[in-house]
């Protein structure tokens, strides 16, 4: 017994629908690095690449997230400017 192609297409569409929904959203790009130093309010991170204006999240030792924006770079270093509270930051914090 053969299944008509239109019915087969419907079966496949139904089976693939959960995957199509997951793929419809734009995936977030996750890039990780470490803070290497802080001078004034400027954070310096290594181990990541990001374009000027990119928003980043820096996690302090307590697990609190600090938002920062990429304001410059030099070689392998990325310079960030925090946009909120920065208490609890220390070297080698994940960013």
PDB file of N, CA and C in Angstrom:
ATOM      1  N   UNK A   1       0.839  -1.165   0.000  1.00  0.00           N
ATOM      2  CA  UNK A   1       0.000   0.000   0.000  1.00  0.00           C
ATOM      3  C   UNK A   1       0.892   1.238   0.000  1.00  0.00           C
ATOM      4  N   UNK A   2       0.613   2.147  -0.887  1.00  0.00           N
ATOM      5  CA  UNK A   2       1.394   3.381  -0.962  1.00  0.00           C
ATOM      6  C   UNK A   2       0.567   4.554  -0.461  1.00  0.00           C
ATOM      7  N   UNK A   3       1.263   5.493   0.161  1.00  0.00           N
ATOM      8  CA  UNK A   3       0.615   6.692   0.681  1.00  0.00           C
ATOM      9  C   UNK A   3       0.761   7.784  -0.375  1.00  0.00           C
ATOM     10  N   UNK A   4      -0.338   8.465  -0.720  1.00  0.00           N
ATOM     11  CA  UNK A   4      -0.246   9.539  -1.713  1.00  0.00           C
ATOM     12  C   UNK A   4       0.767  10.590  -1.278  1.00  0.00           C
ATOM     13  N   UNK A   5       1.439  11.185  -2.258  1.00  0.00           N
ATOM     14  CA  UNK A   5       2.511  12.139  -1.944  1.00  0.00           C
ATOM     15  C   UNK A   5       2.003  13.352  -1.166  1.00  0.00           C
ATOM     16  N   UNK A   6       0.789  13.816  -1.394  1.00  0.00           N
ATOM     17  CA  UNK A   6       0.272  14.958  -0.636  1.00  0.00           C
ATOM     18  C   UNK A   6       0.080  14.592   0.829  1.00  0.00           C
ATOM     19  N   UNK A   7      -0.357  13.388   1.095  1.00  0.00           N
ATOM     20  CA  UNK A   7      -0.523  12.934   2.475  1.00  0.00           C
ATOM     21  C   UNK A   7       0.844  12.760   3.137  1.00  0.00           C
ATOM     22  N   UNK A   8       1.800  12.232   2.386  1.00  0.00           N
ATOM     23  CA  UNK A   8       3.157  12.053   2.887  1.00  0.00           C
ATOM     24  C   UNK A   8       3.777  13.406   3.241  1.00  0.00           C
ATOM     25  N   UNK A   9       3.551  14.396   2.398  1.00  0.00           N
ATOM     26  CA  UNK A   9       4.071  15.741   2.667  1.00  0.00           C
ATOM     27  C   UNK A   9       3.482  16.296   3.959  1.00  0.00           C
ATOM     28  N   UNK A  10       2.193  16.085   4.154  1.00  0.00           N
ATOM     29  CA  UNK A  10       1.543  16.544   5.378  1.00  0.00           C
ATOM     30  C   UNK A  10       2.120  15.882   6.611  1.00  0.00           C
ATOM     31  N   UNK A  11       2.400  14.606   6.512  1.00  0.00           N
ATOM     32  CA  UNK A  11       2.990  13.860   7.633  1.00  0.00           C
ATOM     33  C   UNK A  11       4.370  14.434   7.957  1.00  0.00           C
ATOM     34  N   UNK A  12       5.173  14.667   6.919  1.00  0.00           N
ATOM     35  CA  UNK A  12       6.517  15.211   7.134  1.00  0.00           C
ATOM     36  C   UNK A  12       6.454  16.615   7.719  1.00  0.00           C
ATOM     37  N   UNK A  13       5.558  17.439   7.213  1.00  0.00           N
ATOM     38  CA  UNK A  13       5.424  18.800   7.741  1.00  0.00           C
ATOM     39  C   UNK A  13       5.040  18.775   9.216  1.00  0.00           C
ATOM     40  N   UNK A  14       4.150  17.874   9.575  1.00  0.00           N
ATOM     41  CA  UNK A  14       3.731  17.755  10.967  1.00  0.00           C
ATOM     42  C   UNK A  14       4.888  17.304  11.857  1.00  0.00           C
ATOM     43  N   UNK A  15       5.662  16.347  11.386  1.00  0.00           N
ATOM     44  CA  UNK A  15       6.788  15.844  12.172  1.00  0.00           C
ATOM     45  C   UNK A  15       7.915  16.876  12.304  1.00  0.00           C
ATOM     46  N   UNK A  16       8.080  17.686  11.283  1.00  0.00           N
ATOM     47  CA  UNK A  16       9.165  18.671  11.299  1.00  0.00           C
ATOM     48  C   UNK A  16       8.773  20.001  11.934  1.00  0.00           C
ATOM     49  N   UNK A  17       7.510  20.218  12.211  1.00  0.00           N
ATOM     50  CA  UNK A  17       7.051  21.508  12.723  1.00  0.00           C
ATOM     51  C   UNK A  17       7.742  21.952  14.012  1.00  0.00           C
ATOM     52  N   UNK A  18       7.991  21.079  15.012  1.00  0.00           N
ATOM     53  CA  UNK A  18       8.693  21.554  16.214  1.00  0.00           C
ATOM     54  C   UNK A  18      10.105  22.066  15.901  1.00  0.00           C
ATOM     55  N   UNK A  19      10.764  21.430  14.928  1.00  0.00           N
ATOM     56  CA  UNK A  19      12.125  21.836  14.573  1.00  0.00           C
ATOM     57  C   UNK A  19      12.111  23.150  13.795  1.00  0.00           C
ATOM     58  N   UNK A  20      11.126  23.337  12.953  1.00  0.00           N
ATOM     59  CA  UNK A  20      11.014  24.588  12.192  1.00  0.00           C
ATOM     60  C   UNK A  20      10.778  25.761  13.135  1.00  0.00           C
ATOM     61  N   UNK A  21       9.982  25.555  14.179  1.00  0.00           N
ATOM     62  CA  UNK A  21       9.725  26.609  15.166  1.00  0.00           C
ATOM     63  C   UNK A  21      11.007  26.983  15.909  1.00  0.00           C
ATOM     64  N   UNK A  22      11.807  25.986  16.267  1.00  0.00           N
ATOM     65  CA  UNK A  22      13.069  26.255  16.958  1.00  0.00           C
ATOM     66  C   UNK A  22      14.047  27.001  16.071  1.00  0.00           C
ATOM     67  N   UNK A  23      14.046  26.691  14.789  1.00  0.00           N
ATOM     68  CA  UNK A  23      14.971  27.335  13.868  1.00  0.00           C
ATOM     69  C   UNK A  23      14.501  28.710  13.422  1.00  0.00           C
ATOM     70  N   UNK A  24      13.245  29.047  13.645  1.00  0.00           N
ATOM     71  CA  UNK A  24      12.702  30.333  13.203  1.00  0.00           C
ATOM     72  C   UNK A  24      13.337  31.498  13.953  1.00  0.00           C
ATOM     73  N   UNK A  25      13.644  31.317  15.230  1.00  0.00           N
ATOM     74  CA  UNK A  25      14.267  32.383  16.019  1.00  0.00           C
ATOM     75  C   UNK A  25      15.736  32.521  15.671  1.00  0.00           C
ATOM     76  N   UNK A  26      16.238  33.744  15.727  1.00  0.00           N
ATOM     77  CA  UNK A  26      17.640  33.988  15.444  1.00  0.00           C
ATOM     78  C   UNK A  26      18.472  33.502  16.636  1.00  0.00           C
ATOM     79  N   UNK A  27      19.422  32.610  16.412  1.00  0.00           N
ATOM     80  CA  UNK A  27      20.221  32.112  17.532  1.00  0.00           C
ATOM     81  C   UNK A  27      21.159  33.201  18.055  1.00  0.00           C
ATOM     82  N   UNK A  28      21.377  33.203  19.363  1.00  0.00           N
ATOM     83  CA  UNK A  28      22.306  34.141  19.965  1.00  0.00           C
ATOM     84  C   UNK A  28      23.721  33.624  19.799  1.00  0.00           C
ATOM     85  N   UNK A  29      24.595  34.537  19.457  1.00  0.00           N
ATOM     86  CA  UNK A  29      25.998  34.196  19.356  1.00  0.00           C
ATOM     87  C   UNK A  29      26.631  34.383  20.724  1.00  0.00           C
ATOM     88  N   UNK A  30      27.237  33.343  21.225  1.00  0.00           N
ATOM     89  CA  UNK A  30      27.866  33.418  22.542  1.00  0.00           C
ATOM     90  C   UNK A  30      29.377  33.400  22.346  1.00  0.00           C
ATOM     91  N   UNK A  31      30.020  34.454  22.838  1.00  0.00           N
ATOM     92  CA  UNK A  31      31.469  34.566  22.785  1.00  0.00           C
ATOM     93  C   UNK A  31      31.935  34.793  24.217  1.00  0.00           C
ATOM     94  N   UNK A  32      32.919  34.047  24.639  1.00  0.00           N
ATOM     95  CA  UNK A  32      33.386  34.178  26.012  1.00  0.00           C
ATOM     96  C   UNK A  32      34.826  34.641  26.053  1.00  0.00           C
ATOM     97  N   UNK A  33      35.145  35.394  27.097  1.00  0.00           N
ATOM     98  CA  UNK A  33      36.494  35.865  27.330  1.00  0.00           C
ATOM     99  C   UNK A  33      36.670  36.119  28.817  1.00  0.00           C
ATOM    100  N   UNK A  34      37.754  36.744  29.185  1.00  0.00           N
ATOM    101  CA  UNK A  34      38.047  37.037  30.592  1.00  0.00           C
ATOM    102  C   UNK A  34      38.487  38.490  30.721  1.00  0.00           C
ATOM    103  N   UNK A  35      38.097  39.119  31.835  1.00  0.00           N
ATOM    104  CA  UNK A  35      38.596  40.460  32.115  1.00  0.00           C
ATOM    105  C   UNK A  35      40.063  40.343  32.496  1.00  0.00           C
ATOM    106  N   UNK A  36      40.890  41.183  31.895  1.00  0.00           N
ATOM    107  CA  UNK A  36      42.314  41.145  32.236  1.00  0.00           C
ATOM    108  C   UNK A  36      42.710  42.338  33.086  1.00  0.00           C
ATOM    109  N   UNK A  37      41.968  43.443  32.937  1.00  0.00           N
ATOM    110  CA  UNK A  37      42.258  44.588  33.788  1.00  0.00           C
ATOM    111  C   UNK A  37      41.138  45.599  33.678  1.00  0.00           C
ATOM    112  N   UNK A  38      41.160  46.540  34.634  1.00  0.00           N
ATOM    113  CA  UNK A  38      40.169  47.608  34.674  1.00  0.00           C
ATOM    114  C   UNK A  38      40.916  48.886  35.017  1.00  0.00           C
ATOM    115  N   UNK A  39      40.768  49.895  34.180  1.00  0.00           N
ATOM    116  CA  UNK A  39      41.397  51.182  34.410  1.00  0.00           C
ATOM    117  C   UNK A  39      40.282  52.211  34.420  1.00  0.00           C
ATOM    118  N   UNK A  40      40.052  52.819  35.564  1.00  0.00           N
ATOM    119  CA  UNK A  40      38.901  53.709  35.695  1.00  0.00           C
ATOM    120  C   UNK A  40      37.644  52.881  35.507  1.00  0.00           C
ATOM    121  N   UNK A  41      36.816  53.280  34.572  1.00  0.00           N
ATOM    122  CA  UNK A  41      35.615  52.501  34.277  1.00  0.00           C
ATOM    123  C   UNK A  41      35.774  51.617  33.043  1.00  0.00           C
ATOM    124  N   UNK A  42      36.928  51.687  32.398  1.00  0.00           N
ATOM    125  CA  UNK A  42      37.139  50.895  31.186  1.00  0.00           C
ATOM    126  C   UNK A  42      37.579  49.485  31.550  1.00  0.00           C
ATOM    127  N   UNK A  43      36.864  48.504  31.023  1.00  0.00           N
ATOM    128  CA  UNK A  43      37.190  47.097  31.248  1.00  0.00           C
ATOM    129  C   UNK A  43      37.977  46.592  30.053  1.00  0.00           C
ATOM    130  N   UNK A  44      38.983  45.797  30.298  1.00  0.00           N
ATOM    131  CA  UNK A  44      39.778  45.207  29.233  1.00  0.00           C
ATOM    132  C   UNK A  44      39.569  43.699  29.280  1.00  0.00           C
ATOM    133  N   UNK A  45      39.154  43.132  28.167  1.00  0.00           N
ATOM    134  CA  UNK A  45      38.903  41.692  28.104  1.00  0.00           C
ATOM    135  C   UNK A  45      39.801  41.052  27.053  1.00  0.00           C
ATOM    136  N   UNK A  46      40.175  39.820  27.285  1.00  0.00           N
ATOM    137  CA  UNK A  46      40.956  39.043  26.329  1.00  0.00           C
ATOM    138  C   UNK A  46      40.243  37.723  26.074  1.00  0.00           C
ATOM    139  N   UNK A  47      40.540  37.127  24.927  1.00  0.00           N
ATOM    140  CA  UNK A  47      39.958  35.825  24.618  1.00  0.00           C
ATOM    141  C   UNK A  47      38.639  35.899  23.887  1.00  0.00           C
ATOM    142  N   UNK A  48      38.249  37.082  23.427  1.00  0.00           N
ATOM    143  CA  UNK A  48      36.993  37.209  22.687  1.00  0.00           C
ATOM    144  C   UNK A  48      37.142  38.276  21.610  1.00  0.00           C
ATOM    145  N   UNK A  49      36.261  38.223  20.629  1.00  0.00           N
ATOM    146  CA  UNK A  49      36.222  39.234  19.578  1.00  0.00           C
ATOM    147  C   UNK A  49      34.810  39.770  19.505  1.00  0.00           C
ATOM    148  N   UNK A  50      34.696  41.085  19.394  1.00  0.00           N
ATOM    149  CA  UNK A  50      33.380  41.711  19.281  1.00  0.00           C
ATOM    150  C   UNK A  50      33.547  43.053  18.585  1.00  0.00           C
ATOM    151  N   UNK A  51      32.549  43.448  17.836  1.00  0.00           N
ATOM    152  CA  UNK A  51      32.580  44.704  17.094  1.00  0.00           C
ATOM    153  C   UNK A  51      32.221  45.878  18.001  1.00  0.00           C
ATOM    154  N   UNK A  52      32.668  47.060  17.617  1.00  0.00           N
ATOM    155  CA  UNK A  52      32.327  48.288  18.337  1.00  0.00           C
ATOM    156  C   UNK A  52      30.803  48.393  18.423  1.00  0.00           C
ATOM    157  N   UNK A  53      30.305  48.720  19.605  1.00  0.00           N
ATOM    158  CA  UNK A  53      28.864  48.872  19.811  1.00  0.00           C
ATOM    159  C   UNK A  53      28.165  47.607  20.263  1.00  0.00           C
ATOM    160  N   UNK A  54      28.861  46.476  20.231  1.00  0.00           N
ATOM    161  CA  UNK A  54      28.261  45.218  20.667  1.00  0.00           C
ATOM    162  C   UNK A  54      28.001  45.264  22.171  1.00  0.00           C
ATOM    163  N   UNK A  55      26.828  44.794  22.575  1.00  0.00           N
ATOM    164  CA  UNK A  55      26.485  44.701  24.001  1.00  0.00           C
ATOM    165  C   UNK A  55      26.985  43.369  24.525  1.00  0.00           C
ATOM    166  N   UNK A  56      27.621  43.413  25.683  1.00  0.00           N
ATOM    167  CA  UNK A  56      28.164  42.207  26.309  1.00  0.00           C
ATOM    168  C   UNK A  56      27.628  42.085  27.724  1.00  0.00           C
ATOM    169  N   UNK A  57      27.660  40.883  28.221  1.00  0.00           N
ATOM    170  CA  UNK A  57      27.296  40.630  29.609  1.00  0.00           C
ATOM    171  C   UNK A  57      28.530  40.107  30.327  1.00  0.00           C
ATOM    172  N   UNK A  58      28.854  40.734  31.447  1.00  0.00           N
ATOM    173  CA  UNK A  58      29.992  40.319  32.265  1.00  0.00           C
ATOM    174  C   UNK A  58      29.413  39.799  33.574  1.00  0.00           C
ATOM    175  N   UNK A  59      29.835  38.614  33.945  1.00  0.00           N
ATOM    176  CA  UNK A  59      29.316  38.007  35.175  1.00  0.00           C
ATOM    177  C   UNK A  59      30.345  38.160  36.290  1.00  0.00           C
ATOM    178  N   UNK A  60      29.917  38.754  37.418  1.00  0.00           N
ATOM    179  CA  UNK A  60      30.861  38.919  38.531  1.00  0.00           C
ATOM    180  C   UNK A  60      30.909  37.639  39.367  1.00  0.00           C
ATOM    181  N   UNK A  61      31.748  37.637  40.409  1.00  0.00           N
ATOM    182  CA  UNK A  61      31.955  36.412  41.204  1.00  0.00           C
ATOM    183  C   UNK A  61      30.696  35.931  41.902  1.00  0.00           C
ATOM    184  N   UNK A  62      29.725  36.816  42.108  1.00  0.00           N
ATOM    185  CA  UNK A  62      28.466  36.437  42.756  1.00  0.00           C
ATOM    186  C   UNK A  62      27.419  35.954  41.761  1.00  0.00           C
ATOM    187  N   UNK A  63      27.757  35.940  40.479  1.00  0.00           N
ATOM    188  CA  UNK A  63      26.822  35.499  39.455  1.00  0.00           C
ATOM    189  C   UNK A  63      25.934  36.612  38.931  1.00  0.00           C
ATOM    190  N   UNK A  64      26.157  37.857  39.397  1.00  0.00           N
ATOM    191  CA  UNK A  64      25.381  38.991  38.896  1.00  0.00           C
ATOM    192  C   UNK A  64      25.894  39.393  37.513  1.00  0.00           C
ATOM    193  N   UNK A  65      24.972  39.766  36.648  1.00  0.00           N
ATOM    194  CA  UNK A  65      25.318  40.158  35.286  1.00  0.00           C
ATOM    195  C   UNK A  65      25.456  41.669  35.201  1.00  0.00           C
ATOM    196  N   UNK A  66      26.546  42.113  34.591  1.00  0.00           N
ATOM    197  CA  UNK A  66      26.806  43.529  34.363  1.00  0.00           C
ATOM    198  C   UNK A  66      26.845  43.725  32.856  1.00  0.00           C
ATOM    199  N   UNK A  67      26.038  44.634  32.354  1.00  0.00           N
ATOM    200  CA  UNK A  67      26.025  44.884  30.920  1.00  0.00           C
ATOM    201  C   UNK A  67      27.096  45.902  30.578  1.00  0.00           C
ATOM    202  N   UNK A  68      27.769  45.687  29.441  1.00  0.00           N
ATOM    203  CA  UNK A  68      28.818  46.595  28.981  1.00  0.00           C
ATOM    204  C   UNK A  68      28.758  46.672  27.459  1.00  0.00           C
ATOM    205  N   UNK A  69      29.331  47.731  26.925  1.00  0.00           N
ATOM    206  CA  UNK A  69      29.353  47.936  25.478  1.00  0.00           C
ATOM    207  C   UNK A  69      30.793  48.007  25.002  1.00  0.00           C
ATOM    208  N   UNK A  70      31.076  47.386  23.862  1.00  0.00           N
ATOM    209  CA  UNK A  70      32.418  47.429  23.290  1.00  0.00           C
ATOM    210  C   UNK A  70      32.666  48.835  22.759  1.00  0.00           C
ATOM    211  N   UNK A  71      33.740  49.476  23.266  1.00  0.00           N
ATOM    212  CA  UNK A  71      34.068  50.840  22.849  1.00  0.00           C
ATOM    213  C   UNK A  71      35.421  50.929  22.153  1.00  0.00           C
ATOM    214  N   UNK A  72      36.150  49.827  22.108  1.00  0.00           N
ATOM    215  CA  UNK A  72      37.434  49.849  21.422  1.00  0.00           C
ATOM    216  C   UNK A  72      38.101  48.491  21.451  1.00  0.00           C
ATOM    217  N   UNK A  73      39.193  48.388  20.717  1.00  0.00           N
ATOM    218  CA  UNK A  73      39.967  47.154  20.709  1.00  0.00           C
ATOM    219  C   UNK A  73      41.391  47.476  20.270  1.00  0.00           C
ATOM    220  N   UNK A  74      42.318  46.635  20.650  1.00  0.00           N
ATOM    221  CA  UNK A  74      43.723  46.746  20.260  1.00  0.00           C
ATOM    222  C   UNK A  74      44.311  45.350  20.284  1.00  0.00           C
ATOM    223  N   UNK A  75      44.701  44.864  19.140  1.00  0.00           N
ATOM    224  CA  UNK A  75      45.233  43.506  19.059  1.00  0.00           C
ATOM    225  C   UNK A  75      44.195  42.509  19.543  1.00  0.00           C
ATOM    226  N   UNK A  76      44.559  41.736  20.526  1.00  0.00           N
ATOM    227  CA  UNK A  76      43.659  40.715  21.079  1.00  0.00           C
ATOM    228  C   UNK A  76      42.821  41.238  22.246  1.00  0.00           C
ATOM    229  N   UNK A  77      42.915  42.519  22.535  1.00  0.00           N
ATOM    230  CA  UNK A  77      42.195  43.109  23.668  1.00  0.00           C
ATOM    231  C   UNK A  77      40.934  43.839  23.195  1.00  0.00           C
ATOM    232  N   UNK A  78      39.873  43.670  23.960  1.00  0.00           N
ATOM    233  CA  UNK A  78      38.607  44.356  23.693  1.00  0.00           C
ATOM    234  C   UNK A  78      38.332  45.264  24.882  1.00  0.00           C
ATOM    235  N   UNK A  79      37.970  46.518  24.605  1.00  0.00           N
ATOM    236  CA  UNK A  79      37.695  47.478  25.671  1.00  0.00           C
ATOM    237  C   UNK A  79      36.188  47.678  25.797  1.00  0.00           C
ATOM    238  N   UNK A  80      35.711  47.557  27.025  1.00  0.00           N
ATOM    239  CA  UNK A  80      34.282  47.636  27.311  1.00  0.00           C
ATOM    240  C   UNK A  80      34.003  48.796  28.263  1.00  0.00           C
ATOM    241  N   UNK A  81      32.840  49.400  28.098  1.00  0.00           N
ATOM    242  CA  UNK A  81      32.384  50.428  29.027  1.00  0.00           C
ATOM    243  C   UNK A  81      31.113  49.900  29.670  1.00  0.00           C
ATOM    244  N   UNK A  82      31.121  49.713  31.000  1.00  0.00           N
ATOM    245  CA  UNK A  82      29.918  49.221  31.668  1.00  0.00           C
ATOM    246  C   UNK A  82      28.780  50.228  31.556  1.00  0.00           C
ATOM    247  N   UNK A  83      27.571  49.717  31.441  1.00  0.00           N
ATOM    248  CA  UNK A  83      26.397  50.590  31.355  1.00  0.00           C
ATOM    249  C   UNK A  83      25.585  50.563  32.643  1.00  0.00           C
ATOM    250  N   UNK A  84      26.072  49.847  33.632  1.00  0.00           N
ATOM    251  CA  UNK A  84      25.358  49.753  34.907  1.00  0.00           C
ATOM    252  C   UNK A  84      26.332  49.624  36.064  1.00  0.00           C
ATOM    253  N   UNK A  85      25.840  49.125  37.165  1.00  0.00           N
ATOM    254  CA  UNK A  85      26.613  48.944  38.401  1.00  0.00           C
ATOM    255  C   UNK A  85      27.754  47.962  38.171  1.00  0.00           C
ATOM    256  N   UNK A  86      28.941  48.256  38.720  1.00  0.00           N
ATOM    257  CA  UNK A  86      30.101  47.392  38.482  1.00  0.00           C
ATOM    258  C   UNK A  86      30.674  46.767  39.748  1.00  0.00           C
ATOM    259  N   UNK A  87      29.974  46.858  40.853  1.00  0.00           N
ATOM    260  CA  UNK A  87      30.476  46.271  42.098  1.00  0.00           C
ATOM    261  C   UNK A  87      30.684  44.763  41.936  1.00  0.00           C
ATOM    262  N   UNK A  88      31.776  44.276  42.494  1.00  0.00           N
ATOM    263  CA  UNK A  88      32.032  42.838  42.494  1.00  0.00           C
ATOM    264  C   UNK A  88      32.870  42.352  41.336  1.00  0.00           C
ATOM    265  N   UNK A  89      33.300  43.252  40.432  1.00  0.00           N
ATOM    266  CA  UNK A  89      34.152  42.804  39.331  1.00  0.00           C
ATOM    267  C   UNK A  89      35.572  42.590  39.829  1.00  0.00           C
ATOM    268  N   UNK A  90      36.216  41.582  39.276  1.00  0.00           N
ATOM    269  CA  UNK A  90      37.615  41.309  39.620  1.00  0.00           C
ATOM    270  C   UNK A  90      38.272  40.672  38.404  1.00  0.00           C
ATOM    271  N   UNK A  91      39.617  40.631  38.370  1.00  0.00           N
ATOM    272  CA  UNK A  91      40.290  40.042  37.216  1.00  0.00           C
ATOM    273  C   UNK A  91      39.841  38.610  36.968  1.00  0.00           C
ATOM    274  N   UNK A  92      39.887  38.230  35.714  1.00  0.00           N
ATOM    275  CA  UNK A  92      39.519  36.894  35.216  1.00  0.00           C
ATOM    276  C   UNK A  92      38.029  36.601  35.366  1.00  0.00           C
ATOM    277  N   UNK A  93      37.210  37.641  35.526  1.00  0.00           N
ATOM    278  CA  UNK A  93      35.756  37.468  35.533  1.00  0.00           C
ATOM    279  C   UNK A  93      35.334  37.092  34.117  1.00  0.00           C
ATOM    280  N   UNK A  94      34.366  36.205  34.005  1.00  0.00           N
ATOM    281  CA  UNK A  94      33.891  35.776  32.689  1.00  0.00           C
ATOM    282  C   UNK A  94      33.102  36.879  32.016  1.00  0.00           C
ATOM    283  N   UNK A  95      33.323  37.023  30.735  1.00  0.00           N
ATOM    284  CA  UNK A  95      32.590  38.021  29.972  1.00  0.00           C
ATOM    285  C   UNK A  95      32.084  37.449  28.688  1.00  0.00           C
TER     286      UNK A  95
END
